[in-house]
Amino acid sequence: MNAFFNSAINFCRHPIAKRTPIRTLARVAYWQVVSRLQGKIKTDWLDGTRLIASRGMTGLTGNIYYGLHEFHEMASVLHILRNGDVFVDVGANAGAYTVLASGVAGAHTEAIEPGRAALAALKANITTNALDRQVTVHECAVAAVPGEAAFTEGAGTMNRLTETGTRRVPVMALDGLSRIPTMIKIDVEGGEMAAFHGAQKILGSDALLCIVSESHDTEISGFLADFGFAKYRYNALTRTFYEDVSPRESAWFVRDMVGLLERINDARKTEVFGVWV
C-alpha cells in the first residue's frame, strides 16, 4: 500500500505527468503488463537512445514512465553539458545519467559504480547505445583516498560503503581522474563528504561548472563554500536557480552563476515524451 501511495504522489507531482497525464498513465500500464511477461526489456528513450530495464529497477523504470525520472536533476544535465565536455557520474547505478550525458548531450562520461548488479546494467546500457568510446567505467567506489573498503550488496540503489558491508571493493579518489569535469552528479548514500575530500584539485578548477548532490548538509555546503560554490535548487522548466533548498531534494552547487546561466539559456530544447524541456 505504501508503494502504491508513493507512486501516486510521484505521478501527481511529476512535471511530465502533469502535462501529459493520459500518455503517462498509458506508459505506466504498458510497463506493468509487459514487465510481468518478459525479463529484460529494451525500450526507446530520448533522442534515439534506449534503455534496458526489468521489473523492480526503480530508477530506470521511472525514466520509462516520465522520460526524466529525476526531472530537474536530469534536465540540468541536458542544459549544462555539450559535446566535448566531461561529466562525472558518481554512483552511476544502471546508467540513466550516463546515457543522458553521453548519448543525448554528447559529453564524455566517467561513470563510477562498484555494485555488481548495477555494473552489469550500466555496461548493458552503454553497449546498447554504442557509447563504449564515450564512457569510461570505473568499477569502484569513491572516498578521500584510494584503497579498499567494505560495500553492501542486495540493497539496489541504496548500496553504499559501510564497515558492515559484505564485500570489499576498490576505492578511488576523484582527483585520480585524468580529466577535470565540467559537471559532477554524485549520489553515494552518505559518502559524499569523503568523496569531496578526495576531489580538492577538481574543486579548485574553473573548468568545473556545477555539482549536483543528493546530500548537502551543513558540513558539505561549508566545505564546498571554501572553494567558492554556493548552494541552489534548479527549476528546469524556467531554467532558473533559487536559494531555498529543501533537505529532501538535490542541491546544485555553482561558483560562476552568470557564466552557467549563459550556457543554460543557450542550450537546445529536448523533447521529453511530448514536452519540450
Protein backbone atom coordinates (compact mmCIF):
# COMPACT_ATOMS: atom_id res chain seq x y z
CA MET A 1 0.00 0.00 0.00
CA ASN A 2 2.83 2.43 0.83
CA ALA A 3 4.50 1.73 -2.52
CA PHE A 4 1.23 2.44 -4.36
CA PHE A 5 0.69 5.63 -2.34
CA ASN A 6 4.23 6.87 -3.04
CA SER A 7 3.84 6.08 -6.74
CA ALA A 8 0.60 8.06 -6.85
CA ILE A 9 2.28 11.05 -5.17
CA ASN A 10 5.19 10.89 -7.63
CA PHE A 11 2.75 10.77 -10.53
CA CYS A 12 0.82 13.80 -9.30
CA ARG A 13 3.98 15.82 -8.72
CA HIS A 14 5.98 14.96 -11.83
CA PRO A 15 6.05 17.76 -14.46
CA ILE A 16 5.70 15.33 -17.39
CA ALA A 17 2.72 13.54 -15.83
CA LYS A 18 1.06 16.88 -15.08
CA ARG A 19 1.32 17.94 -18.72
CA THR A 20 0.56 14.61 -20.40
CA PRO A 21 -1.36 12.54 -17.82
CA ILE A 22 -3.12 10.16 -20.21
CA ARG A 23 0.01 9.28 -22.16
CA THR A 24 1.96 8.86 -18.93
CA LEU A 25 -0.68 6.54 -17.50
CA ALA A 26 -0.57 4.52 -20.71
CA ARG A 27 3.21 4.09 -20.38
CA VAL A 28 2.86 3.02 -16.75
CA ALA A 29 0.14 0.49 -17.61
CA TYR A 30 2.09 -0.87 -20.58
CA TRP A 31 5.22 -1.36 -18.48
CA GLN A 32 3.32 -3.03 -15.65
CA VAL A 33 1.94 -5.60 -18.08
CA VAL A 34 4.99 -6.19 -20.28
CA SER A 35 7.49 -6.33 -17.40
CA ARG A 36 5.50 -9.19 -15.87
CA LEU A 37 5.66 -11.17 -19.09
CA GLN A 38 9.27 -10.56 -20.08
CA GLY A 39 12.64 -10.32 -18.36
CA LYS A 40 14.91 -7.56 -19.59
CA ILE A 41 13.19 -5.13 -21.94
CA LYS A 42 14.84 -2.71 -24.37
CA THR A 43 12.77 0.44 -24.71
CA ASP A 44 13.15 3.66 -26.68
CA TRP A 45 14.12 6.69 -24.62
CA LEU A 46 15.27 10.19 -25.68
CA ASP A 47 16.89 11.35 -28.93
CA GLY A 48 17.29 7.81 -30.26
CA THR A 49 18.78 6.37 -27.07
CA ARG A 50 17.43 3.19 -25.50
CA LEU A 51 17.28 1.74 -22.01
CA ILE A 52 17.44 -1.90 -20.96
CA ALA A 53 15.41 -2.43 -17.82
CA SER A 54 13.50 -5.08 -15.93
CA ARG A 55 10.79 -5.09 -13.30
CA GLY A 56 11.94 -3.63 -9.99
CA MET A 57 14.65 -1.33 -11.43
CA THR A 58 13.03 1.78 -9.96
CA GLY A 59 15.41 4.38 -11.37
CA LEU A 60 15.24 3.11 -14.94
CA THR A 61 11.52 2.41 -14.91
CA GLY A 62 10.92 5.97 -13.70
CA ASN A 63 12.54 7.15 -16.92
CA ILE A 64 10.30 4.81 -18.92
CA TYR A 65 7.26 6.34 -17.22
CA TYR A 66 8.23 10.00 -17.19
CA GLY A 67 11.10 10.45 -19.64
CA LEU A 68 13.22 12.02 -16.92
CA HIS A 69 12.72 10.22 -13.60
CA GLU A 70 14.54 12.89 -11.55
CA PHE A 71 13.20 15.68 -13.69
CA HIS A 72 15.11 18.80 -12.66
CA GLU A 73 18.37 16.96 -11.99
CA MET A 74 18.35 15.13 -15.30
CA ALA A 75 17.17 18.13 -17.31
CA SER A 76 20.05 20.15 -15.89
CA VAL A 77 22.43 17.60 -17.44
CA LEU A 78 20.86 18.37 -20.83
CA HIS A 79 21.00 22.12 -20.22
CA ILE A 80 24.60 22.28 -18.98
CA LEU A 81 26.57 19.68 -20.94
CA ARG A 82 27.82 19.97 -24.51
CA ASN A 83 29.72 17.82 -26.95
CA GLY A 84 33.30 17.51 -25.69
CA ASP A 85 32.51 18.27 -22.03
CA VAL A 86 33.35 15.80 -19.27
CA PHE A 87 30.65 14.50 -16.94
CA VAL A 88 31.43 12.52 -13.78
CA ASP A 89 28.61 10.20 -12.73
CA VAL A 90 29.46 9.19 -9.16
CA GLY A 91 27.15 6.36 -8.21
CA ALA A 92 26.18 5.69 -11.82
CA ASN A 93 23.93 2.76 -10.93
CA ALA A 94 22.26 1.38 -14.08
CA GLY A 95 23.43 4.28 -16.22
CA ALA A 96 20.47 6.57 -16.90
CA TYR A 97 22.52 9.73 -16.24
CA THR A 98 25.44 8.29 -18.20
CA VAL A 99 23.29 7.59 -21.26
CA LEU A 100 21.71 11.03 -20.94
CA ALA A 101 25.06 12.85 -20.68
CA SER A 102 26.86 10.93 -23.43
CA GLY A 103 24.05 9.64 -25.65
CA VAL A 104 21.94 12.83 -25.71
CA ALA A 105 24.19 15.72 -24.62
CA GLY A 106 27.34 14.32 -26.30
CA ALA A 107 29.70 14.61 -23.33
CA HIS A 108 32.36 12.13 -22.27
CA THR A 109 31.27 10.39 -19.06
CA GLU A 110 33.40 8.96 -16.29
CA ALA A 111 30.91 6.51 -14.75
CA ILE A 112 31.79 5.27 -11.26
CA GLU A 113 29.91 2.29 -9.82
CA PRO A 114 31.03 -0.57 -7.52
CA GLY A 115 27.82 -2.64 -7.29
CA ARG A 116 27.82 -5.90 -9.24
CA ALA A 117 24.20 -5.83 -10.42
CA ALA A 118 24.34 -2.09 -11.14
CA LEU A 119 27.59 -2.51 -13.11
CA ALA A 120 26.04 -5.19 -15.29
CA ALA A 121 23.06 -2.94 -16.05
CA LEU A 122 25.33 0.09 -16.60
CA LYS A 123 27.50 -1.76 -19.11
CA ALA A 124 24.45 -3.13 -20.92
CA ASN A 125 23.02 0.37 -21.34
CA ILE A 126 26.36 1.74 -22.51
CA THR A 127 26.74 -1.02 -25.10
CA THR A 128 23.17 -0.90 -26.40
CA ASN A 129 23.66 2.83 -27.09
CA ALA A 130 27.08 2.34 -28.71
CA LEU A 131 28.69 4.61 -26.11
CA ASP A 132 31.75 2.49 -25.30
CA ARG A 133 34.10 5.14 -26.70
CA GLN A 134 32.33 8.00 -24.93
CA VAL A 135 32.11 6.41 -21.49
CA THR A 136 34.85 5.24 -19.16
CA VAL A 137 33.59 2.87 -16.47
CA HIS A 138 35.36 2.76 -13.10
CA GLU A 139 34.42 -0.39 -11.19
CA CYS A 140 34.98 1.10 -7.76
CA ALA A 141 33.64 3.36 -5.05
CA VAL A 142 34.92 6.85 -4.14
CA ALA A 143 36.42 8.18 -0.92
CA ALA A 144 39.01 10.66 0.33
CA VAL A 145 41.94 8.39 -0.51
CA PRO A 146 42.32 5.37 -2.80
CA GLY A 147 42.35 1.89 -1.34
CA GLU A 148 39.74 -0.71 -0.43
CA ALA A 149 36.54 -0.61 1.63
CA ALA A 150 33.51 -2.69 2.60
CA PHE A 151 30.43 -2.28 0.42
CA THR A 152 26.87 -3.56 0.79
CA GLU A 153 25.14 -5.79 -1.77
CA GLY A 154 21.48 -6.51 -2.44
CA ALA A 155 20.11 -3.08 -1.49
CA GLY A 156 19.64 -1.82 -5.04
CA THR A 157 20.17 1.92 -5.37
CA MET A 158 20.77 2.08 -1.58
CA ASN A 159 24.04 0.11 -1.67
CA ARG A 160 26.88 2.04 -0.03
CA LEU A 161 30.25 1.94 1.66
CA THR A 162 29.95 0.86 5.29
CA GLU A 163 32.00 -1.10 7.81
CA THR A 164 29.26 -3.74 7.89
CA GLY A 165 29.39 -4.25 4.11
CA THR A 166 29.66 -7.83 2.87
CA ARG A 167 32.12 -7.27 0.01
CA ARG A 168 35.45 -5.50 -0.33
CA VAL A 169 35.63 -3.13 -3.30
CA PRO A 170 38.38 -0.90 -4.70
CA VAL A 171 38.11 2.79 -3.86
CA MET A 172 39.39 5.77 -5.84
CA ALA A 173 39.75 9.46 -5.09
CA LEU A 174 38.11 11.70 -7.70
CA ASP A 175 41.34 13.63 -8.11
CA GLY A 176 42.72 10.45 -9.68
CA LEU A 177 40.62 11.05 -12.81
CA SER A 178 42.64 12.03 -15.85
CA ARG A 179 40.30 14.86 -16.86
CA ILE A 180 38.70 17.75 -14.98
CA PRO A 181 34.91 17.51 -15.31
CA THR A 182 32.50 20.18 -16.43
CA MET A 183 29.80 18.72 -14.20
CA ILE A 184 29.56 16.17 -11.39
CA LYS A 185 26.48 14.25 -10.31
CA ILE A 186 27.00 12.46 -7.01
CA ASP A 187 24.66 10.11 -5.18
CA VAL A 188 26.54 7.71 -2.92
CA GLU A 189 24.21 7.29 0.06
CA GLY A 190 26.07 9.35 2.63
CA GLY A 191 29.58 9.07 1.23
CA GLU A 192 29.56 12.48 -0.42
CA MET A 193 31.72 14.26 2.16
CA ALA A 194 34.53 11.73 1.84
CA ALA A 195 34.27 11.94 -1.96
CA PHE A 196 34.64 15.74 -1.89
CA HIS A 197 37.70 15.46 0.36
CA GLY A 198 39.26 13.37 -2.40
CA ALA A 199 38.38 15.90 -5.11
CA GLN A 200 40.11 19.09 -3.98
CA LYS A 201 42.12 19.51 -7.19
CA ILE A 202 38.92 19.21 -9.22
CA LEU A 203 37.02 21.55 -6.89
CA GLY A 204 39.71 24.19 -7.31
CA SER A 205 39.49 24.14 -11.12
CA ASP A 206 37.49 26.76 -13.01
CA ALA A 207 36.59 24.04 -15.52
CA LEU A 208 34.11 22.57 -13.01
CA LEU A 209 30.88 24.49 -13.52
CA CYS A 210 28.36 22.61 -11.41
CA ILE A 211 27.90 19.82 -8.86
CA VAL A 212 24.56 18.12 -8.34
CA SER A 213 24.49 16.34 -4.99
CA GLU A 214 21.71 14.44 -3.26
CA SER A 215 23.36 15.17 0.11
CA HIS A 216 24.01 18.79 1.01
CA ASP A 217 24.09 19.17 4.76
CA THR A 218 25.87 21.98 6.57
CA GLU A 219 29.22 20.18 6.53
CA ILE A 220 29.11 19.57 2.77
CA SER A 221 27.83 23.06 1.99
CA GLY A 222 30.53 24.65 4.14
CA PHE A 223 33.28 22.55 2.60
CA LEU A 224 32.22 23.44 -0.95
CA ALA A 225 31.80 27.09 0.01
CA ASP A 226 35.53 27.18 0.75
CA PHE A 227 36.02 26.52 -2.98
CA GLY A 228 33.59 29.27 -3.94
CA PHE A 229 30.48 27.14 -4.51
CA ALA A 230 27.06 28.36 -3.34
CA LYS A 231 24.04 26.08 -2.93
CA TYR A 232 20.87 26.37 -5.04
CA ARG A 233 17.95 24.39 -6.36
CA TYR A 234 17.13 24.37 -10.07
CA ASN A 235 13.83 24.61 -11.93
CA ALA A 236 14.36 23.05 -15.34
CA LEU A 237 11.09 24.38 -16.76
CA THR A 238 12.06 28.01 -16.15
CA ARG A 239 15.84 27.40 -16.28
CA THR A 240 16.16 29.36 -13.06
CA PHE A 241 18.10 28.82 -9.83
CA TYR A 242 16.70 29.51 -6.36
CA GLU A 243 18.41 29.76 -2.98
CA ASP A 244 15.83 27.87 -0.89
CA VAL A 245 16.76 24.18 -0.94
CA SER A 246 14.78 21.52 0.90
CA PRO A 247 16.73 18.73 2.65
CA ARG A 248 14.54 16.29 0.68
CA GLU A 249 15.71 17.50 -2.73
CA SER A 250 19.05 17.64 -4.50
CA ALA A 251 21.23 20.74 -4.48
CA TRP A 252 23.16 22.39 -7.28
CA PHE A 253 26.50 23.87 -6.22
CA VAL A 254 27.55 26.70 -8.53
CA ARG A 255 30.56 29.05 -8.46
CA ASP A 256 30.01 31.22 -11.58
CA MET A 257 26.24 31.72 -11.81
CA VAL A 258 26.41 34.27 -14.63
CA GLY A 259 28.52 32.02 -16.85
CA LEU A 260 26.44 28.94 -16.07
CA LEU A 261 23.16 30.69 -16.86
CA GLU A 262 24.55 31.88 -20.17
CA ARG A 263 25.32 28.27 -21.05
CA ILE A 264 21.95 27.02 -19.82
CA ASN A 265 19.94 29.64 -21.69
CA ASP A 266 21.85 28.82 -24.87
CA ALA A 267 21.10 25.09 -24.62
CA ARG A 268 18.81 23.50 -27.18
CA LYS A 269 15.48 22.09 -26.11
CA THR A 270 14.96 18.33 -25.97
CA GLU A 271 11.60 16.66 -26.45
CA VAL A 272 10.79 14.52 -23.44
CA PHE A 273 7.72 12.41 -24.15
CA GLY A 274 5.83 15.25 -25.81
CA VAL A 275 7.13 18.06 -23.59
CA TRP A 276 9.95 20.32 -24.72
CA VAL A 277 12.49 20.79 -21.94
